[in-house]
Amino acid sequence: MKKKLIMGIGAFVVAAGLLAFGLTNSISEILAIGAKAPKTDLKMTDVSGKSLALKDVVMKNGLLVIFSCNTCPFVIGNGTKSEGWEGRYAELYDYAAKAQIGMALVNPNEAKREAGDGMADMKKRYVNQKLKGYYLLDERHALADAFGALTTPHVYLFDGEMNLIYVGAIDDAVDSKASVKEPYLKNAIDAHVKGAKIDPNSTRQMGCSIKRVKV
């Protein structure tokens, strides 16, 4: 029953994300496996105050991009029944770094800059949640549009040449890390480092629709 409920919520959120396409005509389709990362030279402001692009974050074996935010229950949890995926970000940063893969959290929620997803909120959350690496503000969701990102979170893993090798969800259990049976992203990183086939290389993302504005 719980699994059906989660799947139902996921389907609703994906549908909501698809509706977001109606807000702007600049959103691309979700990047296909093998596609090159777009807008790698787009400068975004990090919580540190630095101006960085994805090309500044990539490491020898690749780059992990997670579209995220400060307000979605799928990211931050709901305080009771779900811990959300954000609590796994610091661990994922360490996991990726060990594999020589850079990581960037990217906040595309332009419509909520004054309602919890502004830079001041990002800085506060970065410290309070003990996040690691970069947390970048995607102004007017330009990067998210180029990636075709639909939800927070939405995960994109690239190899060292910035070819997409995995896209979708972090794992199969937003409610609790202890409940994870399929750590999709970690498995993809492991396979990539070993030179093995990534299977699956695409999963359905689950989360809140990115809060876009008309452009």
N, C-alpha and C. Protein backbone atom coordinates (compact mmCIF):
# COMPACT_ATOMS: atom_id res chain seq x y z
N MET A 1 0.83 -1.19 0.00
CA MET A 1 0.00 0.00 0.00
C MET A 1 0.88 1.26 0.00
N LYS A 2 1.93 1.25 0.83
CA LYS A 2 2.83 2.39 0.92
C LYS A 2 3.52 2.63 -0.41
N LYS A 3 3.94 1.52 -1.07
CA LYS A 3 4.61 1.64 -2.35
C LYS A 3 3.67 2.25 -3.38
N LYS A 4 2.40 1.79 -3.37
CA LYS A 4 1.43 2.34 -4.31
C LYS A 4 1.21 3.81 -4.08
N LEU A 5 1.19 4.23 -2.81
CA LEU A 5 0.99 5.63 -2.46
C LEU A 5 2.14 6.47 -2.97
N ILE A 6 3.37 6.00 -2.76
CA ILE A 6 4.53 6.74 -3.21
C ILE A 6 4.54 6.86 -4.72
N MET A 7 4.21 5.75 -5.42
CA MET A 7 4.17 5.79 -6.87
C MET A 7 3.11 6.75 -7.35
N GLY A 8 1.97 6.78 -6.63
CA GLY A 8 0.90 7.69 -7.00
C GLY A 8 1.32 9.13 -6.86
N ILE A 9 2.01 9.43 -5.76
CA ILE A 9 2.51 10.79 -5.55
C ILE A 9 3.51 11.14 -6.64
N GLY A 10 4.37 10.18 -6.97
CA GLY A 10 5.37 10.42 -8.00
C GLY A 10 4.72 10.73 -9.33
N ALA A 11 3.69 9.98 -9.70
CA ALA A 11 3.00 10.20 -10.96
C ALA A 11 2.36 11.58 -10.99
N PHE A 12 1.77 11.99 -9.86
CA PHE A 12 1.14 13.30 -9.78
C PHE A 12 2.17 14.40 -9.95
N VAL A 13 3.32 14.24 -9.29
CA VAL A 13 4.35 15.26 -9.35
C VAL A 13 4.94 15.36 -10.74
N VAL A 14 5.15 14.20 -11.39
CA VAL A 14 5.67 14.22 -12.75
C VAL A 14 4.69 14.94 -13.67
N ALA A 15 3.40 14.67 -13.48
CA ALA A 15 2.39 15.34 -14.28
C ALA A 15 2.43 16.84 -14.05
N ALA A 16 2.61 17.24 -12.79
CA ALA A 16 2.71 18.66 -12.47
C ALA A 16 3.93 19.28 -13.14
N GLY A 17 5.01 18.51 -13.17
CA GLY A 17 6.22 19.00 -13.82
C GLY A 17 6.01 19.19 -15.31
N LEU A 18 5.26 18.28 -15.93
CA LEU A 18 4.98 18.40 -17.35
C LEU A 18 4.13 19.64 -17.64
N LEU A 19 3.23 19.95 -16.72
CA LEU A 19 2.41 21.15 -16.89
C LEU A 19 3.27 22.40 -16.89
N ALA A 20 4.42 22.31 -16.21
CA ALA A 20 5.30 23.48 -16.15
C ALA A 20 5.81 23.87 -17.52
N PHE A 21 5.79 22.92 -18.48
CA PHE A 21 6.24 23.24 -19.81
C PHE A 21 5.37 24.32 -20.44
N GLY A 22 4.15 24.47 -19.94
CA GLY A 22 3.26 25.47 -20.48
C GLY A 22 3.65 26.88 -20.09
N LEU A 23 4.55 27.02 -19.12
CA LEU A 23 4.93 28.34 -18.64
C LEU A 23 5.94 29.03 -19.55
N THR A 24 6.66 28.26 -20.33
CA THR A 24 7.73 28.83 -21.14
C THR A 24 7.96 27.97 -22.36
N ASN A 25 8.41 28.56 -23.42
CA ASN A 25 8.69 27.78 -24.63
C ASN A 25 10.17 27.49 -24.75
N SER A 26 10.93 27.72 -23.68
CA SER A 26 12.38 27.55 -23.75
C SER A 26 12.87 26.25 -23.10
N ILE A 27 11.95 25.43 -22.58
CA ILE A 27 12.35 24.20 -21.91
C ILE A 27 12.63 23.11 -22.93
N SER A 28 13.80 22.49 -22.82
CA SER A 28 14.15 21.37 -23.69
C SER A 28 13.55 20.09 -23.14
N GLU A 29 13.57 19.03 -23.94
CA GLU A 29 13.19 17.72 -23.44
C GLU A 29 14.28 17.27 -22.47
N ILE A 30 13.92 16.32 -21.58
CA ILE A 30 14.92 15.77 -20.67
C ILE A 30 16.08 15.22 -21.49
N LEU A 31 17.29 15.56 -21.10
CA LEU A 31 18.46 15.08 -21.83
C LEU A 31 18.44 13.56 -21.97
N ALA A 32 18.82 13.10 -23.14
CA ALA A 32 18.89 11.67 -23.40
C ALA A 32 20.26 11.14 -23.00
N ILE A 33 20.31 9.89 -22.64
CA ILE A 33 21.60 9.27 -22.31
C ILE A 33 22.54 9.42 -23.50
N GLY A 34 23.75 9.84 -23.21
CA GLY A 34 24.75 10.06 -24.25
C GLY A 34 24.85 11.51 -24.69
N ALA A 35 23.85 12.33 -24.32
CA ALA A 35 23.87 13.74 -24.71
C ALA A 35 24.94 14.51 -23.96
N LYS A 36 25.46 15.54 -24.60
CA LYS A 36 26.44 16.41 -23.96
C LYS A 36 25.73 17.37 -22.99
N ALA A 37 26.37 17.67 -21.90
CA ALA A 37 25.82 18.64 -20.95
C ALA A 37 25.73 20.00 -21.63
N PRO A 38 24.56 20.65 -21.58
CA PRO A 38 24.42 21.98 -22.19
C PRO A 38 24.83 23.08 -21.21
N LYS A 39 25.08 24.25 -21.75
CA LYS A 39 25.35 25.45 -20.95
C LYS A 39 26.40 25.23 -19.86
N THR A 40 27.46 24.53 -20.21
CA THR A 40 28.50 24.26 -19.21
C THR A 40 29.30 25.51 -18.84
N ASP A 41 29.13 26.57 -19.63
CA ASP A 41 29.83 27.82 -19.32
C ASP A 41 28.91 28.87 -18.70
N LEU A 42 27.66 28.49 -18.38
CA LEU A 42 26.72 29.42 -17.76
C LEU A 42 27.16 29.72 -16.33
N LYS A 43 27.41 30.97 -16.03
CA LYS A 43 27.85 31.36 -14.70
C LYS A 43 26.64 31.46 -13.76
N MET A 44 26.77 30.85 -12.59
CA MET A 44 25.74 30.89 -11.55
C MET A 44 26.40 31.26 -10.23
N THR A 45 25.64 31.89 -9.36
CA THR A 45 26.20 32.31 -8.07
C THR A 45 26.06 31.19 -7.04
N ASP A 46 27.18 30.87 -6.41
CA ASP A 46 27.23 29.85 -5.36
C ASP A 46 26.95 30.51 -4.01
N VAL A 47 26.58 29.71 -3.03
CA VAL A 47 26.33 30.25 -1.68
C VAL A 47 27.57 30.89 -1.08
N SER A 48 28.73 30.56 -1.61
CA SER A 48 29.98 31.17 -1.15
C SER A 48 30.16 32.58 -1.69
N GLY A 49 29.34 32.94 -2.68
CA GLY A 49 29.46 34.24 -3.33
C GLY A 49 30.23 34.17 -4.63
N LYS A 50 30.87 33.04 -4.91
CA LYS A 50 31.63 32.87 -6.14
C LYS A 50 30.69 32.68 -7.33
N SER A 51 31.17 33.07 -8.49
CA SER A 51 30.44 32.84 -9.74
C SER A 51 31.08 31.65 -10.43
N LEU A 52 30.29 30.59 -10.62
CA LEU A 52 30.84 29.34 -11.15
C LEU A 52 29.97 28.78 -12.27
N ALA A 53 30.59 28.02 -13.15
CA ALA A 53 29.89 27.30 -14.20
C ALA A 53 30.15 25.81 -14.01
N LEU A 54 29.36 24.97 -14.65
CA LEU A 54 29.55 23.53 -14.52
C LEU A 54 30.95 23.10 -14.95
N LYS A 55 31.50 23.79 -15.94
CA LYS A 55 32.85 23.43 -16.39
C LYS A 55 33.90 23.65 -15.30
N ASP A 56 33.55 24.44 -14.29
CA ASP A 56 34.47 24.70 -13.17
C ASP A 56 34.35 23.63 -12.09
N VAL A 57 33.31 22.83 -12.16
CA VAL A 57 33.01 21.86 -11.10
C VAL A 57 33.38 20.43 -11.50
N VAL A 58 33.35 20.14 -12.80
CA VAL A 58 33.63 18.78 -13.27
C VAL A 58 35.02 18.31 -12.83
N MET A 59 35.12 17.02 -12.48
CA MET A 59 36.40 16.43 -12.10
C MET A 59 36.79 15.37 -13.14
N LYS A 60 37.86 14.67 -12.89
CA LYS A 60 38.42 13.73 -13.86
C LYS A 60 37.39 12.73 -14.38
N ASN A 61 36.58 12.18 -13.48
CA ASN A 61 35.64 11.13 -13.90
C ASN A 61 34.21 11.63 -14.11
N GLY A 62 34.01 12.94 -14.00
CA GLY A 62 32.68 13.42 -14.35
C GLY A 62 32.09 14.47 -13.43
N LEU A 63 30.78 14.60 -13.56
CA LEU A 63 30.05 15.64 -12.83
C LEU A 63 28.65 15.13 -12.48
N LEU A 64 28.26 15.39 -11.24
CA LEU A 64 26.92 15.08 -10.76
C LEU A 64 26.18 16.39 -10.53
N VAL A 65 25.04 16.55 -11.22
CA VAL A 65 24.20 17.74 -11.06
C VAL A 65 22.87 17.30 -10.46
N ILE A 66 22.48 17.92 -9.35
CA ILE A 66 21.19 17.64 -8.73
C ILE A 66 20.41 18.94 -8.64
N PHE A 67 19.31 19.03 -9.38
CA PHE A 67 18.43 20.18 -9.25
C PHE A 67 17.67 20.01 -7.94
N SER A 68 17.75 21.01 -7.09
CA SER A 68 17.22 20.90 -5.73
C SER A 68 16.65 22.24 -5.30
N CYS A 69 16.21 22.30 -4.04
CA CYS A 69 15.63 23.54 -3.52
C CYS A 69 15.57 23.47 -2.00
N ASN A 70 14.95 24.47 -1.39
CA ASN A 70 14.83 24.53 0.07
C ASN A 70 13.43 24.22 0.57
N THR A 71 12.48 23.99 -0.34
CA THR A 71 11.07 24.00 0.06
C THR A 71 10.28 22.74 -0.27
N CYS A 72 10.77 21.89 -1.12
CA CYS A 72 10.02 20.71 -1.54
C CYS A 72 10.12 19.58 -0.51
N PRO A 73 8.99 18.99 -0.10
CA PRO A 73 9.02 17.88 0.86
C PRO A 73 9.83 16.67 0.39
N PHE A 74 9.91 16.47 -0.92
CA PHE A 74 10.72 15.36 -1.43
C PHE A 74 12.20 15.61 -1.17
N VAL A 75 12.58 16.87 -1.07
CA VAL A 75 13.97 17.25 -0.77
C VAL A 75 14.20 17.32 0.73
N ILE A 76 13.38 18.11 1.41
CA ILE A 76 13.65 18.41 2.82
C ILE A 76 12.90 17.52 3.81
N GLY A 77 11.99 16.68 3.32
CA GLY A 77 11.18 15.86 4.20
C GLY A 77 9.97 16.63 4.70
N ASN A 78 9.05 15.93 5.33
CA ASN A 78 7.86 16.59 5.85
C ASN A 78 7.83 16.65 7.38
N GLY A 79 8.94 16.25 7.99
CA GLY A 79 9.06 16.36 9.44
C GLY A 79 8.48 15.21 10.23
N THR A 80 7.75 14.34 9.57
CA THR A 80 7.13 13.22 10.29
C THR A 80 7.40 11.88 9.62
N LYS A 81 6.79 11.69 8.44
CA LYS A 81 6.86 10.38 7.80
C LYS A 81 7.97 10.25 6.77
N SER A 82 8.52 11.35 6.32
CA SER A 82 9.54 11.30 5.28
C SER A 82 10.72 12.18 5.65
N GLU A 83 11.93 11.63 5.50
CA GLU A 83 13.12 12.41 5.81
C GLU A 83 13.59 13.20 4.60
N GLY A 84 13.09 12.85 3.41
CA GLY A 84 13.50 13.54 2.19
C GLY A 84 14.89 13.13 1.75
N TRP A 85 15.26 13.54 0.54
CA TRP A 85 16.55 13.14 -0.03
C TRP A 85 17.70 14.07 0.37
N GLU A 86 17.42 15.26 0.82
CA GLU A 86 18.47 16.21 1.15
C GLU A 86 19.47 15.67 2.17
N GLY A 87 18.98 14.87 3.12
CA GLY A 87 19.85 14.31 4.15
C GLY A 87 20.92 13.37 3.61
N ARG A 88 20.79 13.01 2.33
CA ARG A 88 21.78 12.13 1.69
C ARG A 88 22.76 12.90 0.82
N TYR A 89 22.56 14.21 0.68
CA TYR A 89 23.41 14.99 -0.22
C TYR A 89 24.87 15.02 0.21
N ALA A 90 25.13 15.24 1.48
CA ALA A 90 26.53 15.32 1.94
C ALA A 90 27.25 14.00 1.71
N GLU A 91 26.54 12.91 1.98
CA GLU A 91 27.13 11.59 1.75
C GLU A 91 27.39 11.37 0.26
N LEU A 92 26.46 11.81 -0.57
CA LEU A 92 26.64 11.67 -2.01
C LEU A 92 27.82 12.51 -2.50
N TYR A 93 28.00 13.68 -1.90
CA TYR A 93 29.15 14.51 -2.26
C TYR A 93 30.45 13.75 -1.99
N ASP A 94 30.55 13.16 -0.81
CA ASP A 94 31.76 12.41 -0.45
C ASP A 94 31.93 11.20 -1.37
N TYR A 95 30.83 10.53 -1.68
CA TYR A 95 30.86 9.34 -2.54
C TYR A 95 31.35 9.71 -3.93
N ALA A 96 30.82 10.82 -4.45
CA ALA A 96 31.22 11.27 -5.78
C ALA A 96 32.67 11.74 -5.78
N ALA A 97 33.06 12.49 -4.77
CA ALA A 97 34.43 13.01 -4.69
C ALA A 97 35.45 11.87 -4.65
N LYS A 98 35.12 10.82 -3.91
CA LYS A 98 36.01 9.65 -3.84
C LYS A 98 36.19 9.03 -5.22
N ALA A 99 35.15 9.13 -6.03
CA ALA A 99 35.20 8.58 -7.39
C ALA A 99 35.73 9.61 -8.39
N GLN A 100 36.21 10.76 -7.88
CA GLN A 100 36.72 11.86 -8.70
C GLN A 100 35.64 12.41 -9.63
N ILE A 101 34.46 12.59 -9.05
CA ILE A 101 33.33 13.18 -9.76
C ILE A 101 32.91 14.43 -9.00
N GLY A 102 32.84 15.56 -9.68
CA GLY A 102 32.40 16.79 -9.05
C GLY A 102 30.89 16.77 -8.83
N MET A 103 30.40 17.62 -7.92
CA MET A 103 28.96 17.65 -7.63
C MET A 103 28.49 19.08 -7.44
N ALA A 104 27.34 19.37 -8.04
CA ALA A 104 26.73 20.69 -7.87
C ALA A 104 25.24 20.54 -7.59
N LEU A 105 24.78 21.15 -6.52
CA LEU A 105 23.35 21.31 -6.27
C LEU A 105 22.94 22.60 -6.96
N VAL A 106 21.81 22.58 -7.66
CA VAL A 106 21.37 23.74 -8.42
C VAL A 106 19.91 24.06 -8.08
N ASN A 107 19.65 25.29 -7.67
CA ASN A 107 18.30 25.70 -7.29
C ASN A 107 17.66 26.51 -8.41
N PRO A 108 16.66 25.92 -9.14
CA PRO A 108 16.04 26.61 -10.27
C PRO A 108 14.70 27.27 -9.95
N ASN A 109 14.28 27.28 -8.67
CA ASN A 109 12.92 27.72 -8.33
C ASN A 109 12.76 29.24 -8.37
N GLU A 110 12.78 29.80 -9.56
CA GLU A 110 12.73 31.25 -9.74
C GLU A 110 11.45 31.86 -9.18
N ALA A 111 10.34 31.12 -9.28
CA ALA A 111 9.06 31.66 -8.80
C ALA A 111 8.95 31.68 -7.28
N LYS A 112 9.93 31.11 -6.59
CA LYS A 112 9.88 31.09 -5.13
C LYS A 112 11.09 31.77 -4.49
N ARG A 113 11.72 32.68 -5.22
CA ARG A 113 12.89 33.37 -4.66
C ARG A 113 12.52 34.18 -3.42
N GLU A 114 11.28 34.66 -3.37
CA GLU A 114 10.83 35.44 -2.22
C GLU A 114 10.05 34.58 -1.23
N ALA A 115 10.04 33.27 -1.46
CA ALA A 115 9.25 32.38 -0.61
C ALA A 115 10.03 31.14 -0.21
N GLY A 116 11.31 31.35 0.13
CA GLY A 116 12.11 30.26 0.67
C GLY A 116 13.24 29.76 -0.21
N ASP A 117 13.28 30.20 -1.47
CA ASP A 117 14.32 29.71 -2.37
C ASP A 117 15.23 30.81 -2.91
N GLY A 118 15.36 31.89 -2.17
CA GLY A 118 16.29 32.94 -2.52
C GLY A 118 17.70 32.62 -2.02
N MET A 119 18.67 33.42 -2.41
CA MET A 119 20.05 33.16 -2.03
C MET A 119 20.25 33.17 -0.51
N ALA A 120 19.62 34.09 0.19
CA ALA A 120 19.76 34.13 1.65
C ALA A 120 19.25 32.83 2.28
N ASP A 121 18.15 32.31 1.74
CA ASP A 121 17.60 31.04 2.23
C ASP A 121 18.55 29.89 1.92
N MET A 122 19.13 29.93 0.74
CA MET A 122 20.06 28.88 0.33
C MET A 122 21.28 28.85 1.25
N LYS A 123 21.81 30.03 1.55
CA LYS A 123 22.98 30.11 2.43
C LYS A 123 22.68 29.54 3.81
N LYS A 124 21.51 29.91 4.33
CA LYS A 124 21.12 29.43 5.65
C LYS A 124 20.94 27.93 5.66
N ARG A 125 20.28 27.41 4.62
CA ARG A 125 20.04 25.97 4.58
C ARG A 125 21.34 25.19 4.39
N TYR A 126 22.24 25.72 3.59
CA TYR A 126 23.54 25.09 3.37
C TYR A 126 24.27 24.86 4.69
N VAL A 127 24.24 25.87 5.53
CA VAL A 127 24.91 25.78 6.83
C VAL A 127 24.15 24.87 7.78
N ASN A 128 22.85 25.09 7.89
CA ASN A 128 22.04 24.33 8.85
C ASN A 128 22.00 22.84 8.56
N GLN A 129 22.00 22.50 7.28
CA GLN A 129 21.92 21.09 6.90
C GLN A 129 23.30 20.47 6.66
N LYS A 130 24.33 21.26 6.87
CA LYS A 130 25.72 20.79 6.72
C LYS A 130 25.95 20.19 5.34
N LEU A 131 25.49 20.93 4.33
CA LEU A 131 25.69 20.49 2.95
C LEU A 131 27.15 20.68 2.56
N LYS A 132 27.55 20.05 1.46
CA LYS A 132 28.93 20.12 1.01
C LYS A 132 28.98 20.50 -0.47
N GLY A 133 30.13 21.03 -0.88
CA GLY A 133 30.31 21.37 -2.28
C GLY A 133 29.60 22.65 -2.64
N TYR A 134 29.06 22.69 -3.84
CA TYR A 134 28.45 23.91 -4.37
C TYR A 134 26.93 23.84 -4.34
N TYR A 135 26.34 25.00 -4.06
CA TYR A 135 24.89 25.15 -4.12
C TYR A 135 24.63 26.42 -4.92
N LEU A 136 24.23 26.25 -6.18
CA LEU A 136 24.18 27.33 -7.14
C LEU A 136 22.76 27.80 -7.43
N LEU A 137 22.60 29.11 -7.58
CA LEU A 137 21.31 29.69 -7.93
C LEU A 137 21.20 29.77 -9.45
N ASP A 138 20.25 29.05 -10.00
CA ASP A 138 20.01 29.00 -11.44
C ASP A 138 19.02 30.11 -11.80
N GLU A 139 19.57 31.26 -12.15
CA GLU A 139 18.72 32.43 -12.41
C GLU A 139 17.79 32.21 -13.60
N ARG A 140 16.50 32.43 -13.35
CA ARG A 140 15.44 32.23 -14.34
C ARG A 140 15.50 30.83 -14.94
N HIS A 141 15.92 29.87 -14.09
CA HIS A 141 15.97 28.44 -14.42
C HIS A 141 16.55 28.13 -15.80
N ALA A 142 17.58 28.90 -16.20
CA ALA A 142 18.18 28.73 -17.52
C ALA A 142 18.83 27.36 -17.68
N LEU A 143 19.53 26.90 -16.63
CA LEU A 143 20.18 25.59 -16.73
C LEU A 143 19.13 24.47 -16.69
N ALA A 144 18.17 24.59 -15.79
CA ALA A 144 17.12 23.57 -15.70
C ALA A 144 16.36 23.45 -17.02
N ASP A 145 16.10 24.58 -17.68
CA ASP A 145 15.40 24.55 -18.96
C ASP A 145 16.23 23.82 -20.01
N ALA A 146 17.53 24.08 -20.02
CA ALA A 146 18.41 23.44 -21.00
C ALA A 146 18.52 21.94 -20.77
N PHE A 147 18.45 21.54 -19.49
CA PHE A 147 18.53 20.11 -19.14
C PHE A 147 17.19 19.41 -19.31
N GLY A 148 16.11 20.19 -19.40
CA GLY A 148 14.78 19.58 -19.42
C GLY A 148 14.38 19.06 -18.05
N ALA A 149 14.98 19.61 -16.99
CA ALA A 149 14.71 19.15 -15.64
C ALA A 149 13.26 19.48 -15.26
N LEU A 150 12.61 18.54 -14.59
CA LEU A 150 11.20 18.70 -14.24
C LEU A 150 10.95 18.91 -12.76
N THR A 151 11.76 18.30 -11.92
CA THR A 151 11.44 18.26 -10.50
C THR A 151 12.65 18.57 -9.63
N THR A 152 12.36 18.84 -8.36
CA THR A 152 13.40 18.86 -7.34
C THR A 152 13.10 17.72 -6.38
N PRO A 153 14.02 16.74 -6.27
CA PRO A 153 15.28 16.66 -7.01
C PRO A 153 15.11 16.03 -8.40
N HIS A 154 16.08 16.30 -9.26
CA HIS A 154 16.22 15.63 -10.55
C HIS A 154 17.72 15.50 -10.78
N VAL A 155 18.18 14.27 -10.99
CA VAL A 155 19.61 13.93 -10.99
C VAL A 155 20.14 13.70 -12.40
N TYR A 156 21.32 14.27 -12.66
CA TYR A 156 22.01 14.06 -13.94
C TYR A 156 23.47 13.74 -13.63
N LEU A 157 23.95 12.61 -14.12
CA LEU A 157 25.35 12.20 -13.92
C LEU A 157 26.05 12.14 -15.27
N PHE A 158 27.18 12.85 -15.37
CA PHE A 158 27.95 12.92 -16.61
C PHE A 158 29.33 12.29 -16.41
N ASP A 159 29.90 11.79 -17.52
CA ASP A 159 31.27 11.27 -17.45
C ASP A 159 32.26 12.42 -17.61
N GLY A 160 33.52 12.08 -17.68
CA GLY A 160 34.56 13.12 -17.75
C GLY A 160 34.52 13.97 -19.00
N GLU A 161 33.88 13.47 -20.05
CA GLU A 161 33.72 14.23 -21.28
C GLU A 161 32.38 14.96 -21.32
N MET A 162 31.68 14.93 -20.19
CA MET A 162 30.38 15.59 -20.03
C MET A 162 29.28 14.98 -20.90
N ASN A 163 29.36 13.65 -21.08
CA ASN A 163 28.28 12.91 -21.72
C ASN A 163 27.38 12.35 -20.62
N LEU A 164 26.08 12.45 -20.79
CA LEU A 164 25.15 11.97 -19.78
C LEU A 164 25.17 10.46 -19.70
N ILE A 165 25.37 9.93 -18.48
CA ILE A 165 25.42 8.47 -18.31
C ILE A 165 24.34 7.94 -17.36
N TYR A 166 23.72 8.82 -16.59
CA TYR A 166 22.59 8.41 -15.74
C TYR A 166 21.70 9.63 -15.50
N VAL A 167 20.38 9.38 -15.49
CA VAL A 167 19.43 10.45 -15.21
C VAL A 167 18.23 9.89 -14.47
N GLY A 168 17.72 10.67 -13.51
CA GLY A 168 16.51 10.23 -12.81
C GLY A 168 16.52 10.50 -11.33
N ALA A 169 16.32 9.43 -10.55
CA ALA A 169 16.18 9.53 -9.10
C ALA A 169 17.48 9.15 -8.39
N ILE A 170 17.59 9.56 -7.14
CA ILE A 170 18.75 9.21 -6.30
C ILE A 170 18.67 7.74 -5.89
N ASP A 171 17.51 7.34 -5.40
CA ASP A 171 17.28 5.95 -5.00
C ASP A 171 15.78 5.72 -4.98
N ASP A 172 15.35 4.61 -4.39
CA ASP A 172 13.94 4.23 -4.46
C ASP A 172 13.17 4.49 -3.16
N ALA A 173 13.73 5.29 -2.24
CA ALA A 173 13.06 5.44 -0.95
C ALA A 173 13.24 6.85 -0.39
N VAL A 174 12.40 7.77 -0.81
CA VAL A 174 12.47 9.13 -0.30
C VAL A 174 12.19 9.18 1.20
N ASP A 175 11.36 8.28 1.71
CA ASP A 175 10.95 8.33 3.11
C ASP A 175 12.11 8.13 4.09
N SER A 176 13.03 7.21 3.74
CA SER A 176 14.07 6.87 4.71
C SER A 176 15.26 6.23 4.03
N LYS A 177 16.44 6.69 4.38
CA LYS A 177 17.67 6.08 3.87
C LYS A 177 17.74 4.60 4.23
N ALA A 178 17.23 4.26 5.41
CA ALA A 178 17.27 2.87 5.86
C ALA A 178 16.38 1.96 5.02
N SER A 179 15.44 2.55 4.29
CA SER A 179 14.51 1.77 3.48
C SER A 179 14.98 1.57 2.05
N VAL A 180 16.13 2.13 1.70
CA VAL A 180 16.61 2.06 0.31
C VAL A 180 16.95 0.63 -0.07
N LYS A 181 16.38 0.18 -1.17
CA LYS A 181 16.71 -1.14 -1.73
C LYS A 181 17.48 -1.00 -3.04
N GLU A 182 17.23 0.12 -3.74
CA GLU A 182 17.89 0.35 -5.02
C GLU A 182 18.58 1.72 -5.01
N PRO A 183 19.86 1.77 -4.66
CA PRO A 183 20.59 3.04 -4.66
C PRO A 183 21.06 3.37 -6.09
N TYR A 184 20.12 3.80 -6.92
CA TYR A 184 20.39 3.97 -8.35
C TYR A 184 21.62 4.80 -8.64
N LEU A 185 21.73 5.95 -7.99
CA LEU A 185 22.83 6.86 -8.29
C LEU A 185 24.17 6.28 -7.85
N LYS A 186 24.25 5.74 -6.66
CA LYS A 186 25.50 5.13 -6.21
C LYS A 186 25.90 3.97 -7.11
N ASN A 187 24.92 3.18 -7.51
CA ASN A 187 25.22 2.06 -8.41
C ASN A 187 25.76 2.57 -9.75
N ALA A 188 25.20 3.67 -10.23
CA ALA A 188 25.67 4.25 -11.49
C ALA A 188 27.10 4.74 -11.36
N ILE A 189 27.40 5.39 -10.23
CA ILE A 189 28.77 5.86 -9.99
C ILE A 189 29.74 4.69 -9.92
N ASP A 190 29.37 3.66 -9.19
CA ASP A 190 30.23 2.47 -9.06
C ASP A 190 30.51 1.84 -10.42
N ALA A 191 29.46 1.67 -11.21
CA ALA A 191 29.62 1.05 -12.53
C ALA A 191 30.49 1.92 -13.43
N HIS A 192 30.28 3.20 -13.38
CA HIS A 192 31.07 4.13 -14.21
C HIS A 192 32.55 4.04 -13.88
N VAL A 193 32.87 4.04 -12.60
CA VAL A 193 34.27 3.99 -12.18
C VAL A 193 34.92 2.67 -12.60
N LYS A 194 34.13 1.60 -12.57
CA LYS A 194 34.64 0.27 -12.95
C LYS A 194 34.66 0.06 -14.46
N GLY A 195 34.06 0.98 -15.19
CA GLY A 195 33.99 0.82 -16.64
C GLY A 195 32.93 -0.18 -17.05
N ALA A 196 31.98 -0.43 -16.17
CA ALA A 196 30.92 -1.41 -16.44
C ALA A 196 29.67 -0.71 -16.96
N LYS A 197 28.74 -1.51 -17.46
CA LYS A 197 27.47 -0.98 -17.96
C LYS A 197 26.62 -0.46 -16.80
N ILE A 198 26.04 0.70 -16.98
CA ILE A 198 25.15 1.26 -15.96
C ILE A 198 23.73 0.77 -16.24
N ASP A 199 23.19 0.02 -15.32
CA ASP A 199 21.86 -0.57 -15.51
C ASP A 199 21.09 -0.55 -14.19
N PRO A 200 20.03 0.27 -14.11
CA PRO A 200 19.48 1.12 -15.18
C PRO A 200 20.25 2.43 -15.30
N ASN A 201 20.27 2.98 -16.50
CA ASN A 201 20.91 4.29 -16.70
C ASN A 201 19.89 5.42 -16.72
N SER A 202 18.61 5.06 -16.54
CA SER A 202 17.55 6.05 -16.49
C SER A 202 16.44 5.54 -15.59
N THR A 203 15.99 6.38 -14.66
CA THR A 203 14.88 6.04 -13.79
C THR A 203 13.93 7.24 -13.75
N ARG A 204 12.72 7.00 -13.27
CA ARG A 204 11.76 8.09 -13.19
C ARG A 204 12.08 8.98 -12.00
N GLN A 205 12.25 10.27 -12.27
CA GLN A 205 12.48 11.23 -11.19
C GLN A 205 11.19 11.43 -10.41
N MET A 206 11.33 11.69 -9.11
CA MET A 206 10.20 12.00 -8.25
C MET A 206 10.53 13.26 -7.46
N GLY A 207 9.55 14.14 -7.33
CA GLY A 207 9.79 15.35 -6.58
C GLY A 207 8.72 16.38 -6.86
N CYS A 208 8.97 17.60 -6.43
CA CYS A 208 8.05 18.71 -6.68
C CYS A 208 8.40 19.36 -8.02
N SER A 209 7.40 19.81 -8.74
CA SER A 209 7.67 20.48 -10.02
C SER A 209 8.52 21.72 -9.78
N ILE A 210 9.46 21.97 -10.68
CA ILE A 210 10.28 23.17 -10.59
C ILE A 210 9.37 24.39 -10.75
N LYS A 211 9.55 25.36 -9.89
CA LYS A 211 8.69 26.54 -9.88
C LYS A 211 9.24 27.59 -10.85
N ARG A 212 8.76 27.50 -12.08
CA ARG A 212 9.22 28.36 -13.15
C ARG A 212 8.38 29.64 -13.26
N VAL A 213 8.97 30.62 -13.96
CA VAL A 213 8.24 31.84 -14.29
C VAL A 213 8.20 31.96 -15.81
N LYS A 214 7.31 32.78 -16.33
CA LYS A 214 7.25 32.99 -17.78
C LYS A 214 8.46 33.78 -18.22
N VAL A 215 9.07 33.33 -19.30
CA VAL A 215 10.23 34.03 -19.85
C VAL A 215 10.01 34.34 -21.32
